[in-house]
Protein backbone atom coordinates (compact mmCIF):
# COMPACT_ATOMS: atom_id res chain seq x y z
CA UNK A 1 106.28 117.89 115.98
CA UNK A 2 106.46 115.04 113.42
CA UNK A 3 103.72 114.54 110.67
CA UNK A 4 102.94 111.58 108.71
CA UNK A 5 100.66 112.19 105.62
CA UNK A 6 99.33 109.55 103.52
CA UNK A 7 98.25 109.68 100.24
CA UNK A 8 96.99 107.50 97.06
CA UNK A 9 93.94 106.15 98.23
CA UNK A 10 91.06 105.76 96.38
CA UNK A 11 88.14 103.09 94.93
CA UNK A 12 90.25 100.54 92.36
CA UNK A 13 88.57 97.38 90.72
CA UNK A 14 89.78 94.53 91.16
CA UNK A 15 93.04 93.32 89.97
CA UNK A 16 94.08 97.20 89.76
CA UNK A 17 97.09 98.80 91.24
CA UNK A 18 97.32 101.58 93.39
CA UNK A 19 100.32 103.64 94.88
CA UNK A 20 99.99 104.75 98.72
CA UNK A 21 102.45 107.51 99.73
CA UNK A 22 103.21 108.79 103.45
CA UNK A 23 105.46 112.01 103.48
CA UNK A 24 106.64 112.36 107.09
CA UNK A 25 107.89 116.06 108.10
CA UNK A 26 110.67 116.13 108.95
CA UNK A 27 113.91 113.71 109.22
CA UNK A 28 112.94 111.02 110.83
CA UNK A 29 113.54 107.95 108.77
CA UNK A 30 117.19 107.80 110.07
CA UNK A 31 117.03 105.08 112.67
CA UNK A 32 113.41 104.58 112.47
CA UNK A 33 111.54 101.68 111.12
CA UNK A 34 108.36 102.57 108.69
CA UNK A 35 105.59 100.50 108.19
CA UNK A 36 101.88 100.15 106.53
CA UNK A 37 99.09 99.12 108.94
CA UNK A 38 94.88 98.33 107.64
CA UNK A 39 91.79 98.18 109.22
CA UNK A 40 88.86 97.05 107.40
CA UNK A 41 85.83 97.88 109.33
CA UNK A 42 84.63 96.19 112.85
CA UNK A 43 88.19 94.56 112.48
CA UNK A 44 91.51 95.74 114.13
CA UNK A 45 94.37 97.23 112.39
CA UNK A 46 97.26 94.69 111.04
CA UNK A 47 100.27 95.20 110.03
CA UNK A 48 100.93 95.26 105.76
CA UNK A 49 104.50 96.11 105.21
CA UNK A 50 107.50 97.21 107.32
CA UNK A 51 110.62 98.59 106.00
CA UNK A 52 113.67 98.91 108.59
CA UNK A 53 115.93 101.93 108.63
CA UNK A 54 118.19 99.48 106.50
CA UNK A 55 116.21 98.55 104.39
CA UNK A 56 114.77 95.30 104.98
CA UNK A 57 111.56 94.45 103.84
CA UNK A 58 108.57 92.07 105.39
CA UNK A 59 105.37 91.65 104.46
CA UNK A 60 102.19 89.91 105.99
CA UNK A 61 101.51 86.59 103.99
CA UNK A 62 98.38 87.63 102.53
CA UNK A 63 100.08 90.74 100.53
CA UNK A 64 103.04 88.59 99.84
CA UNK A 65 104.30 88.91 96.12
CA UNK A 66 101.26 91.90 95.18
CA UNK A 67 102.48 94.55 97.83
CA UNK A 68 105.97 96.06 97.52
CA UNK A 69 106.84 98.73 100.51
CA UNK A 70 110.04 101.23 99.50
CA UNK A 71 111.30 104.76 101.00
CA UNK A 72 112.94 107.92 99.46
CA UNK A 73 115.15 109.07 102.43
CA UNK A 74 116.14 112.58 100.91
CA UNK A 75 111.97 112.44 100.30
CA UNK A 76 111.51 111.93 103.78
CA UNK A 77 108.60 109.59 101.72
CA UNK A 78 107.52 105.89 101.98
CA UNK A 79 105.56 104.04 99.47
CA UNK A 80 103.48 100.68 99.44
CA UNK A 81 102.60 99.79 95.50
CA UNK A 82 99.94 97.91 95.67
CA UNK A 83 99.40 95.51 92.68
CA UNK A 84 96.28 92.58 91.61
CA UNK A 85 94.25 94.12 94.26
CA UNK A 86 91.49 92.31 95.75
CA UNK A 87 88.28 93.06 97.30
CA UNK A 88 89.16 92.06 101.17
CA UNK A 89 92.29 94.72 100.38
CA UNK A 90 89.58 97.23 100.97
CA UNK A 91 90.31 99.08 104.01
CA UNK A 92 92.11 102.16 105.87
CA UNK A 93 95.55 102.06 105.32
CA UNK A 94 97.78 104.08 107.95
CA UNK A 95 101.88 104.77 107.71
CA UNK A 96 103.24 104.27 111.45
CA UNK A 97 107.14 105.58 112.00
CA UNK A 98 108.38 103.33 114.85
CA UNK A 99 111.22 105.83 116.27
CA UNK A 100 112.25 106.59 119.86
CA UNK A 101 108.12 107.12 120.11
CA UNK A 102 105.80 106.04 117.43
CA UNK A 103 103.93 107.88 115.14
CA UNK A 104 100.79 107.59 112.96
CA UNK A 105 98.62 109.08 109.98
CA UNK A 106 95.71 109.95 110.08
CA UNK A 107 94.94 107.05 107.16
CA UNK A 108 94.18 106.58 103.73
CA UNK A 109 90.87 105.26 102.35
CA UNK A 110 91.52 101.95 99.66
CA UNK A 111 88.34 100.35 98.43
CA UNK A 112 88.34 97.71 96.02
CA UNK A 113 85.34 96.44 94.01
CA UNK A 114 84.01 96.87 90.96
């Protein structure tokens, strides 16, 4: 069974940085797209960034130029580097693997506040 475990969330001041990690229990990266979603209280879960099996990336307009998605196939880990954080980035961030099936992590809280 595939498991995704996120880490790296926390409390940060506006303008600060965080790096989220998503470790997969097994070699699921080949042929899978990996993505980060986020969900703020009372709102729907939205796509933040995606990286395909070939390494192509795409971002939500709201995070372009501030967030960077990357992956380390050897470590079965995908990362989300978040810079210039804003209060509106506050949300639970989820990792997703899109393979033959979709797999989700449990989420990690990111709070941007002074």
